[in-house]
Amino acid sequence: MSLSECKKGHTHREYLAWQAWLDEEQNRPDSTQHYLMQIAMEVRRVLSKNPNSIKLDNFKLSFKRKGEKTTGNLGYTKEQATAWAKARWMGLTGLLKNVKKRD
């Protein structure tokens, strides 16, 4: 399928849903991939001088789209990220927090 055919056949919303699905699928190993990671980890442990330093997460492949910025919380604590997200949604939806008024 050519790019022009793909553009004609899919909406932008469908494209964004497809990209979100790909992000989830590519970055979450299925049972076969998890099993292969365990095999690779055990082979590496056999060849290592310090086998306890080898962790399963070292063998997980992470996928990013071209031009995608690094993921993560960018230095925010969990509480700060939660407060920011709540404030953003409150602003977008027009809801206000229950704030006690001072007399």
C-alpha atoms as a PDB file:
ATOM      1  CA  MET A   1       0.000   0.000   0.000  1.00  0.00           C
ATOM      2  CA  SER A   2       1.390   3.375  -0.975  1.00  0.00           C
ATOM      3  CA  LEU A   3       1.481   6.347   1.384  1.00  0.00           C
ATOM      4  CA  SER A   4      -1.224   8.199  -0.532  1.00  0.00           C
ATOM      5  CA  GLU A   5      -3.532   5.153  -0.377  1.00  0.00           C
ATOM      6  CA  CYS A   6      -2.894   4.877   3.347  1.00  0.00           C
ATOM      7  CA  LYS A   7      -3.734   8.568   3.872  1.00  0.00           C
ATOM      8  CA  LYS A   8      -6.956   8.216   1.883  1.00  0.00           C
ATOM      9  CA  GLY A   9      -8.034   5.086   3.743  1.00  0.00           C
ATOM     10  CA  HIS A  10      -7.363   6.179   7.321  1.00  0.00           C
ATOM     11  CA  THR A  11      -8.291   9.159   9.438  1.00  0.00           C
ATOM     12  CA  HIS A  12      -5.852  10.958  11.706  1.00  0.00           C
ATOM     13  CA  ARG A  13      -7.622   9.521  14.744  1.00  0.00           C
ATOM     14  CA  GLU A  14      -7.160   5.987  13.382  1.00  0.00           C
ATOM     15  CA  TYR A  15      -3.486   6.756  12.810  1.00  0.00           C
ATOM     16  CA  LEU A  16      -3.051   7.957  16.411  1.00  0.00           C
ATOM     17  CA  ALA A  17      -4.843   4.868  17.736  1.00  0.00           C
ATOM     18  CA  TRP A  18      -2.583   2.654  15.612  1.00  0.00           C
ATOM     19  CA  GLN A  19       0.530   4.446  16.933  1.00  0.00           C
ATOM     20  CA  ALA A  20      -0.656   4.029  20.544  1.00  0.00           C
ATOM     21  CA  TRP A  21      -1.287   0.336  19.913  1.00  0.00           C
ATOM     22  CA  LEU A  22       2.192  -0.075  18.399  1.00  0.00           C
ATOM     23  CA  ASP A  23       3.777   1.666  21.399  1.00  0.00           C
ATOM     24  CA  GLU A  24       2.025  -0.751  23.752  1.00  0.00           C
ATOM     25  CA  GLU A  25       2.764  -3.861  21.713  1.00  0.00           C
ATOM     26  CA  GLN A  26       6.405  -3.111  20.934  1.00  0.00           C
ATOM     27  CA  ASN A  27       7.368  -2.144  24.476  1.00  0.00           C
ATOM     28  CA  ARG A  28       5.589  -4.986  26.290  1.00  0.00           C
ATOM     29  CA  PRO A  29       7.186  -8.382  25.713  1.00  0.00           C
ATOM     30  CA  ASP A  30       4.847 -11.314  25.154  1.00  0.00           C
ATOM     31  CA  SER A  31       5.462 -14.752  26.652  1.00  0.00           C
ATOM     32  CA  THR A  32       7.826 -15.878  23.871  1.00  0.00           C
ATOM     33  CA  GLN A  33       9.921 -12.716  24.066  1.00  0.00           C
ATOM     34  CA  HIS A  34      10.017 -12.965  27.863  1.00  0.00           C
ATOM     35  CA  TYR A  35      11.216 -16.555  27.611  1.00  0.00           C
ATOM     36  CA  LEU A  36      13.965 -15.551  25.148  1.00  0.00           C
ATOM     37  CA  MET A  37      15.037 -12.749  27.508  1.00  0.00           C
ATOM     38  CA  GLN A  38      15.387 -15.305  30.311  1.00  0.00           C
ATOM     39  CA  ILE A  39      17.501 -17.589  28.120  1.00  0.00           C
ATOM     40  CA  ALA A  40      19.772 -14.698  27.125  1.00  0.00           C
ATOM     41  CA  MET A  41      20.078 -13.663  30.774  1.00  0.00           C
ATOM     42  CA  GLU A  42      21.101 -17.169  31.872  1.00  0.00           C
ATOM     43  CA  VAL A  43      23.682 -17.456  29.069  1.00  0.00           C
ATOM     44  CA  ARG A  44      25.125 -14.102  30.091  1.00  0.00           C
ATOM     45  CA  ARG A  45      25.202 -15.179  33.754  1.00  0.00           C
ATOM     46  CA  VAL A  46      27.202 -18.280  32.856  1.00  0.00           C
ATOM     47  CA  LEU A  47      29.793 -16.156  31.043  1.00  0.00           C
ATOM     48  CA  SER A  48      29.967 -13.418  33.680  1.00  0.00           C
ATOM     49  CA  LYS A  49      32.356 -13.101  36.628  1.00  0.00           C
ATOM     50  CA  ASN A  50      29.557 -11.560  38.720  1.00  0.00           C
ATOM     51  CA  PRO A  51      26.342 -13.402  37.753  1.00  0.00           C
ATOM     52  CA  ASN A  52      24.198 -11.677  40.389  1.00  0.00           C
ATOM     53  CA  SER A  53      24.697  -8.328  38.653  1.00  0.00           C
ATOM     54  CA  ILE A  54      22.846  -9.515  35.534  1.00  0.00           C
ATOM     55  CA  LYS A  55      19.142  -8.555  35.601  1.00  0.00           C
ATOM     56  CA  LEU A  56      16.305  -9.471  33.246  1.00  0.00           C
ATOM     57  CA  ASP A  57      15.554  -5.806  32.474  1.00  0.00           C
ATOM     58  CA  ASN A  58      18.984  -5.515  30.852  1.00  0.00           C
ATOM     59  CA  PHE A  59      17.699  -7.691  27.985  1.00  0.00           C
ATOM     60  CA  LYS A  60      14.441  -5.866  27.306  1.00  0.00           C
ATOM     61  CA  LEU A  61      14.451  -4.040  23.980  1.00  0.00           C
ATOM     62  CA  SER A  62      12.740  -0.667  23.959  1.00  0.00           C
ATOM     63  CA  PHE A  63      11.296   0.766  20.776  1.00  0.00           C
ATOM     64  CA  LYS A  64      10.807   4.439  19.966  1.00  0.00           C
ATOM     65  CA  ARG A  65       9.506   6.154  16.870  1.00  0.00           C
ATOM     66  CA  LYS A  66      11.866   8.381  14.922  1.00  0.00           C
ATOM     67  CA  GLY A  67      12.020  11.825  16.512  1.00  0.00           C
ATOM     68  CA  GLU A  68      10.330  10.708  19.735  1.00  0.00           C
ATOM     69  CA  LYS A  69      11.635  12.376  22.851  1.00  0.00           C
ATOM     70  CA  THR A  70      12.864  10.356  25.783  1.00  0.00           C
ATOM     71  CA  THR A  71      10.154   8.946  27.973  1.00  0.00           C
ATOM     72  CA  GLY A  72       9.941   9.127  31.691  1.00  0.00           C
ATOM     73  CA  ASN A  73       8.892  11.620  34.278  1.00  0.00           C
ATOM     74  CA  LEU A  74      11.605  14.159  33.316  1.00  0.00           C
ATOM     75  CA  GLY A  75      12.746  14.589  36.918  1.00  0.00           C
ATOM     76  CA  TYR A  76       9.314  14.986  38.516  1.00  0.00           C
ATOM     77  CA  THR A  77       8.339  13.022  41.578  1.00  0.00           C
ATOM     78  CA  LYS A  78       5.224  10.892  41.378  1.00  0.00           C
ATOM     79  CA  GLU A  79       3.315  13.420  43.489  1.00  0.00           C
ATOM     80  CA  GLN A  80       4.390  16.339  41.279  1.00  0.00           C
ATOM     81  CA  ALA A  81       3.434  14.502  38.098  1.00  0.00           C
ATOM     82  CA  THR A  82       0.045  13.577  39.582  1.00  0.00           C
ATOM     83  CA  ALA A  83      -0.626  17.156  40.721  1.00  0.00           C
ATOM     84  CA  TRP A  84       0.337  18.509  37.291  1.00  0.00           C
ATOM     85  CA  ALA A  85      -1.917  16.017  35.484  1.00  0.00           C
ATOM     86  CA  LYS A  86      -4.858  16.806  37.778  1.00  0.00           C
ATOM     87  CA  ALA A  87      -4.377  20.547  37.326  1.00  0.00           C
ATOM     88  CA  ARG A  88      -4.217  20.152  33.561  1.00  0.00           C
ATOM     89  CA  TRP A  89      -7.418  18.085  33.405  1.00  0.00           C
ATOM     90  CA  MET A  90      -9.200  20.441  35.781  1.00  0.00           C
ATOM     91  CA  GLY A  91      -8.281  23.323  33.484  1.00  0.00           C
ATOM     92  CA  LEU A  92      -9.316  21.500  30.321  1.00  0.00           C
ATOM     93  CA  THR A  93     -12.670  20.390  31.700  1.00  0.00           C
ATOM     94  CA  GLY A  94     -13.432  23.648  33.507  1.00  0.00           C
ATOM     95  CA  LEU A  95     -13.852  21.956  36.867  1.00  0.00           C
ATOM     96  CA  LEU A  96     -12.725  23.718  40.004  1.00  0.00           C
ATOM     97  CA  LYS A  97     -11.332  22.227  43.166  1.00  0.00           C
ATOM     98  CA  ASN A  98     -13.336  22.633  46.343  1.00  0.00           C
ATOM     99  CA  VAL A  99     -11.425  25.432  48.013  1.00  0.00           C
ATOM    100  CA  LYS A 100     -12.476  26.815  51.365  1.00  0.00           C
ATOM    101  CA  LYS A 101     -12.931  30.547  51.225  1.00  0.00           C
ATOM    102  CA  ARG A 102     -11.281  32.629  53.902  1.00  0.00           C
ATOM    103  CA  ASP A 103     -13.429  35.044  55.889  1.00  0.00           C
END
